[in-house]
């Protein structure tokens, strides 16, 4: 079991009634899918905010980053870097900013 650090956008941390960074116990291999499954299990109020509940697809204005790499468009079953699994670096869930 890995202790993964997840950093949430301010709005989601308020909704979840938690700090911006949460720590989750995630089984190996650590992937975005597994991280988000545990996040939504531990914080059920986040269901549907990061991923579509029906399809499991990432919401359009949400991005995922790990070790300065964008994992948003990669397969959600891509294994994350060892530094994420070891809790040395956070898995970032970022709300995209749109404007004109």
C-alpha atoms as a PDB file:
ATOM      1  CA  UNK A   1       0.000   0.000   0.000  1.00  0.00           C
ATOM      2  CA  UNK A   2       1.319   3.430  -0.982  1.00  0.00           C
ATOM      3  CA  UNK A   3       0.646   6.702   0.831  1.00  0.00           C
ATOM      4  CA  UNK A   4      -0.098   9.091  -2.039  1.00  0.00           C
ATOM      5  CA  UNK A   5      -0.355  12.847  -1.583  1.00  0.00           C
ATOM      6  CA  UNK A   6      -3.084  14.501  -3.664  1.00  0.00           C
ATOM      7  CA  UNK A   7      -3.362  18.258  -4.034  1.00  0.00           C
ATOM      8  CA  UNK A   8      -6.868  19.510  -4.805  1.00  0.00           C
ATOM      9  CA  UNK A   9      -8.089  22.828  -6.214  1.00  0.00           C
ATOM     10  CA  UNK A  10      -9.414  25.178  -3.539  1.00  0.00           C
ATOM     11  CA  UNK A  11     -13.048  24.719  -4.567  1.00  0.00           C
ATOM     12  CA  UNK A  12     -12.862  20.934  -4.300  1.00  0.00           C
ATOM     13  CA  UNK A  13     -11.085  21.016  -0.954  1.00  0.00           C
ATOM     14  CA  UNK A  14     -13.866  23.258   0.393  1.00  0.00           C
ATOM     15  CA  UNK A  15     -16.500  20.866  -0.998  1.00  0.00           C
ATOM     16  CA  UNK A  16     -14.675  17.896   0.585  1.00  0.00           C
ATOM     17  CA  UNK A  17     -14.187  19.839   3.842  1.00  0.00           C
ATOM     18  CA  UNK A  18     -10.500  19.040   3.922  1.00  0.00           C
ATOM     19  CA  UNK A  19      -7.114  20.643   3.429  1.00  0.00           C
ATOM     20  CA  UNK A  20      -5.865  21.281  -0.088  1.00  0.00           C
ATOM     21  CA  UNK A  21      -3.581  18.254   0.271  1.00  0.00           C
ATOM     22  CA  UNK A  22      -4.958  14.871   1.273  1.00  0.00           C
ATOM     23  CA  UNK A  23      -3.110  11.589   1.827  1.00  0.00           C
ATOM     24  CA  UNK A  24      -4.553   8.392   0.440  1.00  0.00           C
ATOM     25  CA  UNK A  25      -3.631   4.724   0.774  1.00  0.00           C
ATOM     26  CA  UNK A  26      -3.464   3.451  -2.815  1.00  0.00           C
ATOM     27  CA  UNK A  27      -2.585  -0.060  -3.942  1.00  0.00           C
ATOM     28  CA  UNK A  28       0.121  -0.656  -6.542  1.00  0.00           C
ATOM     29  CA  UNK A  29       0.414   0.058  -9.353  1.00  0.00           C
ATOM     30  CA  UNK A  30      -0.435   3.692  -8.624  1.00  0.00           C
ATOM     31  CA  UNK A  31      -2.412   5.083 -11.558  1.00  0.00           C
ATOM     32  CA  UNK A  32      -4.717   8.098 -11.945  1.00  0.00           C
ATOM     33  CA  UNK A  33      -7.699   5.714 -11.917  1.00  0.00           C
ATOM     34  CA  UNK A  34      -6.663   4.118  -8.632  1.00  0.00           C
ATOM     35  CA  UNK A  35      -5.860   7.459  -7.010  1.00  0.00           C
ATOM     36  CA  UNK A  36      -9.229   8.912  -8.025  1.00  0.00           C
ATOM     37  CA  UNK A  37     -11.112   5.763  -7.007  1.00  0.00           C
ATOM     38  CA  UNK A  38      -9.703   6.067  -3.478  1.00  0.00           C
ATOM     39  CA  UNK A  39     -10.227   9.842  -3.418  1.00  0.00           C
ATOM     40  CA  UNK A  40     -13.900   9.455  -4.356  1.00  0.00           C
ATOM     41  CA  UNK A  41     -14.343   6.584  -1.890  1.00  0.00           C
ATOM     42  CA  UNK A  42     -12.833   8.590   0.986  1.00  0.00           C
ATOM     43  CA  UNK A  43     -14.521  11.855  -0.071  1.00  0.00           C
ATOM     44  CA  UNK A  44     -17.827  10.812  -1.674  1.00  0.00           C
ATOM     45  CA  UNK A  45     -18.915  14.446  -2.031  1.00  0.00           C
ATOM     46  CA  UNK A  46     -16.334  14.668  -4.854  1.00  0.00           C
ATOM     47  CA  UNK A  47     -18.135  12.029  -6.948  1.00  0.00           C
ATOM     48  CA  UNK A  48     -18.815  13.524 -10.359  1.00  0.00           C
ATOM     49  CA  UNK A  49     -16.660  16.627  -9.842  1.00  0.00           C
ATOM     50  CA  UNK A  50     -13.408  15.273 -11.275  1.00  0.00           C
ATOM     51  CA  UNK A  51     -14.714  12.440 -13.456  1.00  0.00           C
ATOM     52  CA  UNK A  52     -18.058  11.789 -15.071  1.00  0.00           C
ATOM     53  CA  UNK A  53     -19.825   9.259 -12.821  1.00  0.00           C
ATOM     54  CA  UNK A  54     -21.330   7.352 -15.736  1.00  0.00           C
ATOM     55  CA  UNK A  55     -18.308   7.098 -18.044  1.00  0.00           C
ATOM     56  CA  UNK A  56     -15.410   7.596 -15.636  1.00  0.00           C
ATOM     57  CA  UNK A  57     -13.888  10.119 -18.070  1.00  0.00           C
ATOM     58  CA  UNK A  58     -12.045  13.173 -16.798  1.00  0.00           C
ATOM     59  CA  UNK A  59     -14.147  16.348 -16.750  1.00  0.00           C
ATOM     60  CA  UNK A  60     -13.129  18.790 -19.534  1.00  0.00           C
ATOM     61  CA  UNK A  61     -11.780  21.528 -17.260  1.00  0.00           C
ATOM     62  CA  UNK A  62      -9.827  19.250 -14.933  1.00  0.00           C
ATOM     63  CA  UNK A  63      -6.157  18.381 -15.490  1.00  0.00           C
ATOM     64  CA  UNK A  64      -3.838  15.896 -13.719  1.00  0.00           C
ATOM     65  CA  UNK A  65      -0.136  16.498 -13.145  1.00  0.00           C
ATOM     66  CA  UNK A  66       2.580  14.367 -11.571  1.00  0.00           C
ATOM     67  CA  UNK A  67       6.265  15.303 -11.296  1.00  0.00           C
ATOM     68  CA  UNK A  68       5.756  18.280 -13.643  1.00  0.00           C
ATOM     69  CA  UNK A  69       4.200  16.065 -16.332  1.00  0.00           C
ATOM     70  CA  UNK A  70       0.660  16.424 -17.646  1.00  0.00           C
ATOM     71  CA  UNK A  71      -1.133  13.077 -17.333  1.00  0.00           C
ATOM     72  CA  UNK A  72      -4.518  14.473 -18.397  1.00  0.00           C
ATOM     73  CA  UNK A  73      -4.544  13.030 -21.898  1.00  0.00           C
ATOM     74  CA  UNK A  74      -2.734   9.795 -21.112  1.00  0.00           C
ATOM     75  CA  UNK A  75      -4.575   6.589 -20.347  1.00  0.00           C
ATOM     76  CA  UNK A  76      -6.032   6.778 -16.828  1.00  0.00           C
ATOM     77  CA  UNK A  77      -4.355   3.405 -16.233  1.00  0.00           C
ATOM     78  CA  UNK A  78      -0.850   4.762 -16.912  1.00  0.00           C
ATOM     79  CA  UNK A  79       1.420   4.077 -13.970  1.00  0.00           C
ATOM     80  CA  UNK A  80       2.437   7.278 -12.190  1.00  0.00           C
ATOM     81  CA  UNK A  81       6.098   8.053 -11.371  1.00  0.00           C
ATOM     82  CA  UNK A  82       7.685   6.349  -8.360  1.00  0.00           C
ATOM     83  CA  UNK A  83       7.931   9.700  -6.547  1.00  0.00           C
ATOM     84  CA  UNK A  84       4.112   9.856  -6.486  1.00  0.00           C
ATOM     85  CA  UNK A  85       3.750   6.292  -5.172  1.00  0.00           C
ATOM     86  CA  UNK A  86       6.372   7.023  -2.506  1.00  0.00           C
ATOM     87  CA  UNK A  87       4.612  10.218  -1.397  1.00  0.00           C
ATOM     88  CA  UNK A  88       7.633  12.374  -2.247  1.00  0.00           C
ATOM     89  CA  UNK A  89       5.689  14.404  -4.809  1.00  0.00           C
ATOM     90  CA  UNK A  90       1.958  15.179  -4.913  1.00  0.00           C
ATOM     91  CA  UNK A  91      -0.490  14.111  -7.605  1.00  0.00           C
ATOM     92  CA  UNK A  92      -2.056  17.408  -8.655  1.00  0.00           C
ATOM     93  CA  UNK A  93      -5.704  17.776  -9.633  1.00  0.00           C
ATOM     94  CA  UNK A  94      -5.937  21.194 -11.285  1.00  0.00           C
ATOM     95  CA  UNK A  95      -9.001  23.108 -12.400  1.00  0.00           C
ATOM     96  CA  UNK A  96      -8.296  24.711 -15.759  1.00  0.00           C
ATOM     97  CA  UNK A  97      -8.838  28.434 -16.086  1.00  0.00           C
ATOM     98  CA  UNK A  98     -10.707  29.649 -19.149  1.00  0.00           C
ATOM     99  CA  UNK A  99     -11.110  33.208 -20.121  1.00  0.00           C
ATOM    100  CA  UNK A 100     -11.197  35.580 -22.975  1.00  0.00           C
END
